[in-house]
Amino acid sequence: MITLKPMNQEEFNQYLFFAIEDFAKDKVTSGNWSEDEAIDLSKKEFSRLLPKDEKSEHNHLFSIFHNQQLVGMIWIAQTSTTNLNEGFIYDFIIYEQHQGRGYGKQAMKETEIIAKKLGINKIGLHVFGHNKIARGLYEKLGYEITNISMSKSI
């Protein structure tokens, strides 16, 4: 069974340390940033989106537990202060050693229940094109492609 609990400060600090590097790597892999600038740009993005860390207004960060063991995290935000019924999943992680056990699917379903309680009736998310496993999960859960960006190195 999967449960989501609001992230505490210690969990947030652990998450942030991992997330800054992970986001930077994804941006480099996708060709958006150079390796030289990636960590600094990633830190700036997290500071902008979460100015008060895990207590940032309209942001809801949850630790994901399976039988009281931490297996991942999810971050959903109400994306507009004037339209709080739309949300966006900024990050979703099932730690590598826990992947392939259905926790991701369960956590996404729990997130939808929490989102409804927050008044959110539409959820968006971004997935990097190279992350085929995540894309497959989201499609199975009913998420539809709304935009596709493509590039080619020449």
Protein backbone atom coordinates (compact mmCIF):
# COMPACT_ATOMS: atom_id res chain seq x y z
CA MET A 1 0.00 0.00 0.00
CA ILE A 2 1.22 3.47 -0.92
CA THR A 3 0.72 6.54 1.26
CA LEU A 4 1.64 10.15 0.61
CA LYS A 5 2.66 12.37 3.51
CA PRO A 6 3.57 16.06 3.37
CA MET A 7 7.32 16.35 3.09
CA ASN A 8 9.15 17.48 6.22
CA GLN A 9 12.22 19.72 6.16
CA GLU A 10 14.73 16.85 6.38
CA GLU A 11 13.04 14.98 3.53
CA PHE A 12 12.92 18.20 1.52
CA ASN A 13 16.64 18.84 1.99
CA GLN A 14 17.45 15.29 0.86
CA TYR A 15 15.12 15.67 -2.11
CA LEU A 16 16.53 19.06 -3.13
CA PHE A 17 20.12 17.80 -3.07
CA PHE A 18 19.17 14.96 -5.43
CA ALA A 19 16.69 16.96 -7.57
CA ILE A 20 19.02 19.82 -8.49
CA GLU A 21 21.55 17.41 -9.94
CA ASP A 22 18.91 15.18 -11.55
CA PHE A 23 17.13 18.10 -13.24
CA ALA A 24 20.46 19.49 -14.47
CA LYS A 25 21.35 16.10 -16.01
CA ASP A 26 17.97 15.88 -17.75
CA LYS A 27 18.33 19.38 -19.16
CA VAL A 28 21.82 18.53 -20.48
CA THR A 29 20.63 15.19 -21.93
CA SER A 30 17.72 16.89 -23.67
CA GLY A 31 20.05 19.52 -25.13
CA ASN A 32 18.56 22.50 -23.27
CA TRP A 33 21.59 23.41 -21.16
CA SER A 34 25.35 22.95 -21.36
CA GLU A 35 27.12 20.96 -18.65
CA ASP A 36 28.97 24.09 -17.52
CA GLU A 37 25.81 26.01 -16.67
CA ALA A 38 23.44 23.19 -15.71
CA ILE A 39 23.88 23.05 -11.91
CA ASP A 40 23.66 26.84 -11.49
CA LEU A 41 20.58 27.06 -13.70
CA SER A 42 18.95 24.16 -11.88
CA LYS A 43 19.56 25.81 -8.48
CA LYS A 44 18.06 29.07 -9.77
CA GLU A 45 14.97 27.26 -11.08
CA PHE A 46 14.33 25.48 -7.79
CA SER A 47 14.84 28.75 -5.86
CA ARG A 48 12.35 30.50 -8.13
CA LEU A 49 9.71 27.77 -7.89
CA LEU A 50 10.16 27.01 -4.19
CA PRO A 51 11.20 30.28 -2.51
CA LYS A 52 10.10 28.98 0.90
CA ASP A 53 11.31 25.42 0.38
CA GLU A 54 8.69 22.78 1.25
CA LYS A 55 6.44 25.50 2.69
CA SER A 56 6.15 27.48 -0.56
CA GLU A 57 2.61 28.67 -1.14
CA HIS A 58 0.46 26.66 -3.60
CA ASN A 59 3.13 23.93 -3.75
CA HIS A 60 2.48 20.53 -2.23
CA LEU A 61 5.45 18.21 -1.80
CA PHE A 62 4.82 14.69 -0.62
CA SER A 63 7.03 11.83 0.42
CA ILE A 64 5.81 8.50 -0.93
CA PHE A 65 5.86 5.56 1.47
CA HIS A 66 5.28 1.85 1.03
CA ASN A 67 4.77 0.15 4.39
CA GLN A 68 6.46 3.11 6.13
CA GLN A 69 9.54 2.89 3.87
CA LEU A 70 10.35 5.99 1.82
CA VAL A 71 10.18 5.00 -1.86
CA GLY A 72 9.87 8.36 -3.64
CA MET A 73 8.35 11.81 -3.77
CA ILE A 74 5.89 13.89 -5.76
CA TRP A 75 5.46 17.65 -6.10
CA ILE A 76 2.22 19.15 -7.34
CA ALA A 77 1.55 22.87 -7.52
CA GLN A 78 -1.49 25.00 -8.11
CA THR A 79 -0.07 26.82 -11.07
CA SER A 80 -2.01 30.07 -10.98
CA THR A 81 -2.93 32.18 -7.97
CA THR A 82 -6.11 33.23 -9.80
CA ASN A 83 -7.08 29.76 -11.03
CA LEU A 84 -6.32 27.28 -8.25
CA ASN A 85 -8.25 24.46 -9.94
CA GLU A 86 -5.36 23.72 -12.31
CA GLY A 87 -2.32 21.87 -11.07
CA PHE A 88 1.04 20.83 -12.42
CA ILE A 89 3.27 17.97 -11.34
CA TYR A 90 6.74 19.48 -11.21
CA ASP A 91 8.54 16.37 -10.08
CA PHE A 92 7.79 12.73 -9.45
CA ILE A 93 10.36 10.16 -8.41
CA ILE A 94 10.23 6.55 -7.44
CA TYR A 95 13.75 5.79 -6.27
CA GLU A 96 15.56 3.38 -8.55
CA GLN A 97 15.70 0.47 -6.11
CA HIS A 98 11.88 0.61 -5.78
CA GLN A 99 10.97 0.94 -9.45
CA GLY A 100 9.02 -1.70 -11.34
CA ARG A 101 6.74 -2.61 -8.42
CA GLY A 102 3.69 -0.52 -9.33
CA TYR A 103 4.43 2.19 -6.76
CA GLY A 104 4.46 4.91 -9.41
CA LYS A 105 0.99 4.08 -10.65
CA GLN A 106 -0.37 3.90 -7.11
CA ALA A 107 1.29 7.18 -6.14
CA MET A 108 -0.14 8.97 -9.16
CA LYS A 109 -3.63 7.75 -8.28
CA GLU A 110 -3.18 8.96 -4.68
CA THR A 111 -1.95 12.30 -6.01
CA GLU A 112 -5.14 12.68 -8.04
CA ILE A 113 -7.22 12.09 -4.89
CA ILE A 114 -5.22 14.73 -2.99
CA ALA A 115 -5.47 17.14 -5.94
CA LYS A 116 -9.26 16.82 -5.98
CA LYS A 117 -9.34 17.62 -2.23
CA LEU A 118 -7.28 20.76 -3.00
CA GLY A 119 -9.85 21.79 -5.60
CA ILE A 120 -7.67 20.86 -8.57
CA ASN A 121 -9.64 19.38 -11.45
CA LYS A 122 -6.97 19.35 -14.16
CA ILE A 123 -3.34 18.21 -13.83
CA GLY A 124 -0.54 18.85 -16.27
CA LEU A 125 3.02 17.60 -16.24
CA HIS A 126 6.19 17.64 -18.30
CA VAL A 127 8.15 14.56 -19.21
CA PHE A 128 11.49 14.56 -20.97
CA GLY A 129 11.31 12.85 -24.34
CA HIS A 130 14.11 10.45 -23.43
CA ASN A 131 12.16 9.16 -20.40
CA LYS A 132 10.15 6.45 -22.15
CA ILE A 133 9.21 4.59 -18.96
CA ALA A 134 7.58 7.69 -17.45
CA ARG A 135 5.85 8.53 -20.73
CA GLY A 136 4.36 5.03 -20.80
CA LEU A 137 3.12 5.32 -17.22
CA TYR A 138 1.45 8.67 -17.82
CA GLU A 139 -0.24 7.46 -21.00
CA LYS A 140 -1.58 4.37 -19.17
CA LEU A 141 -3.03 6.70 -16.52
CA GLY A 142 -4.88 8.75 -19.14
CA TYR A 143 -2.56 11.72 -19.59
CA GLU A 144 -2.63 13.03 -23.13
CA ILE A 145 0.12 14.71 -25.12
CA THR A 146 -0.58 18.42 -25.41
CA ASN A 147 2.71 19.62 -26.95
CA ILE A 148 5.75 18.05 -28.55
CA SER A 149 9.05 19.87 -28.92
CA MET A 150 11.62 18.37 -31.25
CA SER A 151 15.18 19.21 -32.20
CA LYS A 152 17.98 17.93 -34.39
CA SER A 153 21.69 18.53 -34.06
CA ILE A 154 23.26 19.46 -37.41
